[in-house]
Amino acid sequence: MPRVNRDLQRRLAARRERDRRRPTERRYNFTTPEPELGEANGADTDTLDTELQTSPPVEQAAVGASTRGGSRPAPRPFSAYKDEYAYVYRDLRRVAAVIGGLLLALIALYFALPLLVH
């Protein structure tokens, strides 16, 4: 008889419960609402058309961006992180020095202890 993965069963049950409680319509809308072309709070359609023509074009979200309407900022080049993470190189050197010292101490003890015991 195959083993039951209880963790998986628990996660699937929690997901079914969330889906059951979730309303069909989303409560929150994280995107900006698009203006309706028919009515613009008393403004005539000519004014609305000129506003739409003069507004900057909406950029398409990057591939793999969140589906909630937000867009990711453009990724920075590697050189832009140099000043922000300058401490990492110093920390890595310290870690390498400690590990190297411990390794040398272990090797020295490996050869020295048999000589001291006899």
Protein backbone atom coordinates (compact mmCIF):
# COMPACT_ATOMS: atom_id res chain seq x y z
CA MET A 1 0.00 0.00 0.00
CA PRO A 2 1.50 3.38 -0.97
CA ARG A 3 2.33 5.85 1.75
CA VAL A 4 0.09 8.85 2.14
CA ASN A 5 1.84 12.18 1.98
CA ARG A 6 -0.05 13.94 4.74
CA ASP A 7 1.65 17.27 4.15
CA LEU A 8 0.52 17.25 0.52
CA GLN A 9 -3.00 16.21 1.53
CA ARG A 10 -3.12 19.05 4.08
CA ARG A 11 -1.98 21.63 1.53
CA LEU A 12 -4.50 20.44 -1.07
CA ALA A 13 -7.32 20.54 1.48
CA ALA A 14 -6.36 24.09 2.47
CA ARG A 15 -6.36 25.12 -1.19
CA ARG A 16 -9.79 23.59 -1.76
CA GLU A 17 -11.09 25.43 1.31
CA ARG A 18 -9.69 28.75 0.04
CA ASP A 19 -11.21 28.18 -3.39
CA ARG A 20 -14.55 27.32 -1.83
CA ARG A 21 -14.58 30.50 0.28
CA ARG A 22 -13.23 32.73 -2.47
CA PRO A 23 -15.92 34.78 -4.20
CA THR A 24 -16.10 34.57 -7.95
CA GLU A 25 -15.42 38.29 -8.28
CA ARG A 26 -12.17 39.69 -6.93
CA ARG A 27 -12.54 42.13 -4.06
CA TYR A 28 -9.50 44.21 -4.86
CA ASN A 29 -8.44 45.66 -8.18
CA PHE A 30 -4.78 46.67 -8.19
CA THR A 31 -4.84 48.22 -11.66
CA THR A 32 -5.81 51.76 -12.44
CA PRO A 33 -9.29 51.96 -13.96
CA GLU A 34 -9.41 52.90 -17.61
CA PRO A 35 -11.53 55.97 -18.39
CA GLU A 36 -14.78 55.20 -20.10
CA LEU A 37 -15.11 56.74 -23.52
CA GLY A 38 -18.85 57.44 -23.23
CA GLU A 39 -18.96 59.49 -20.04
CA ALA A 40 -16.20 61.46 -18.38
CA ASN A 41 -17.98 63.14 -15.48
CA GLY A 42 -19.67 65.79 -17.63
CA ALA A 43 -16.72 66.37 -19.98
CA ASP A 44 -17.45 66.18 -23.66
CA THR A 45 -15.89 63.46 -25.79
CA ASP A 46 -13.61 65.94 -27.62
CA THR A 47 -11.87 66.84 -24.38
CA LEU A 48 -11.55 63.19 -23.50
CA ASP A 49 -10.09 62.36 -26.91
CA THR A 50 -7.45 65.09 -26.58
CA GLU A 51 -6.57 63.89 -23.08
CA LEU A 52 -6.14 60.36 -24.34
CA GLN A 53 -4.00 61.53 -27.25
CA THR A 54 -1.72 63.68 -25.09
CA SER A 55 -1.30 61.14 -22.31
CA PRO A 56 1.89 59.07 -22.49
CA PRO A 57 1.42 55.56 -23.86
CA VAL A 58 1.07 52.80 -21.32
CA GLU A 59 4.06 50.48 -21.44
CA GLN A 60 3.46 46.77 -21.60
CA ALA A 61 4.48 44.83 -18.53
CA ALA A 62 7.58 42.66 -18.82
CA VAL A 63 7.13 39.00 -19.59
CA GLY A 64 6.64 37.12 -16.35
CA ALA A 65 5.49 40.21 -14.47
CA SER A 66 2.79 39.99 -11.87
CA THR A 67 -0.73 39.57 -13.19
CA ARG A 68 -2.04 42.12 -10.72
CA GLY A 69 -1.36 45.08 -12.95
CA GLY A 70 2.00 46.20 -11.59
CA SER A 71 5.08 46.37 -13.74
CA ARG A 72 8.59 45.52 -12.73
CA PRO A 73 11.28 48.16 -12.92
CA ALA A 74 13.99 47.57 -15.50
CA PRO A 75 16.78 45.38 -14.13
CA ARG A 76 19.94 47.22 -13.18
CA PRO A 77 23.27 46.17 -14.70
CA PHE A 78 25.72 44.23 -12.56
CA SER A 79 28.02 47.23 -12.15
CA ALA A 80 25.22 49.18 -10.45
CA TYR A 81 25.38 46.82 -7.47
CA LYS A 82 29.15 47.22 -6.94
CA ASP A 83 28.99 49.94 -4.28
CA GLU A 84 25.95 48.45 -2.58
CA TYR A 85 27.60 45.05 -2.03
CA ALA A 86 31.23 46.08 -1.52
CA TYR A 87 31.27 44.47 1.93
CA VAL A 88 30.67 40.99 0.51
CA TYR A 89 34.21 40.62 -0.85
CA ARG A 90 35.74 41.53 2.53
CA ASP A 91 33.43 39.11 4.32
CA LEU A 92 34.28 36.30 1.90
CA ARG A 93 38.00 36.88 2.48
CA ARG A 94 37.47 36.64 6.25
CA VAL A 95 35.47 33.44 5.90
CA ALA A 96 38.14 31.94 3.62
CA ALA A 97 40.86 32.87 6.13
CA VAL A 98 38.97 31.24 9.02
CA ILE A 99 38.23 28.07 7.03
CA GLY A 100 41.82 27.89 5.78
CA GLY A 101 43.16 28.28 9.32
CA LEU A 102 40.87 25.58 10.68
CA LEU A 103 41.78 23.24 7.83
CA LEU A 104 45.50 23.75 8.46
CA ALA A 105 44.98 23.15 12.19
CA LEU A 106 43.12 19.90 11.48
CA ILE A 107 45.85 18.70 9.12
CA ALA A 108 48.54 19.57 11.66
CA LEU A 109 46.64 17.73 14.42
CA TYR A 110 46.17 14.71 12.13
CA PHE A 111 49.93 14.34 11.77
CA ALA A 112 50.94 15.55 15.24
CA LEU A 113 48.57 13.54 17.48
CA PRO A 114 49.84 10.08 16.46
CA LEU A 115 53.39 11.21 17.26
CA LEU A 116 52.37 12.55 20.69
CA VAL A 117 50.40 9.43 21.66
CA HIS A 118 53.30 7.00 21.11
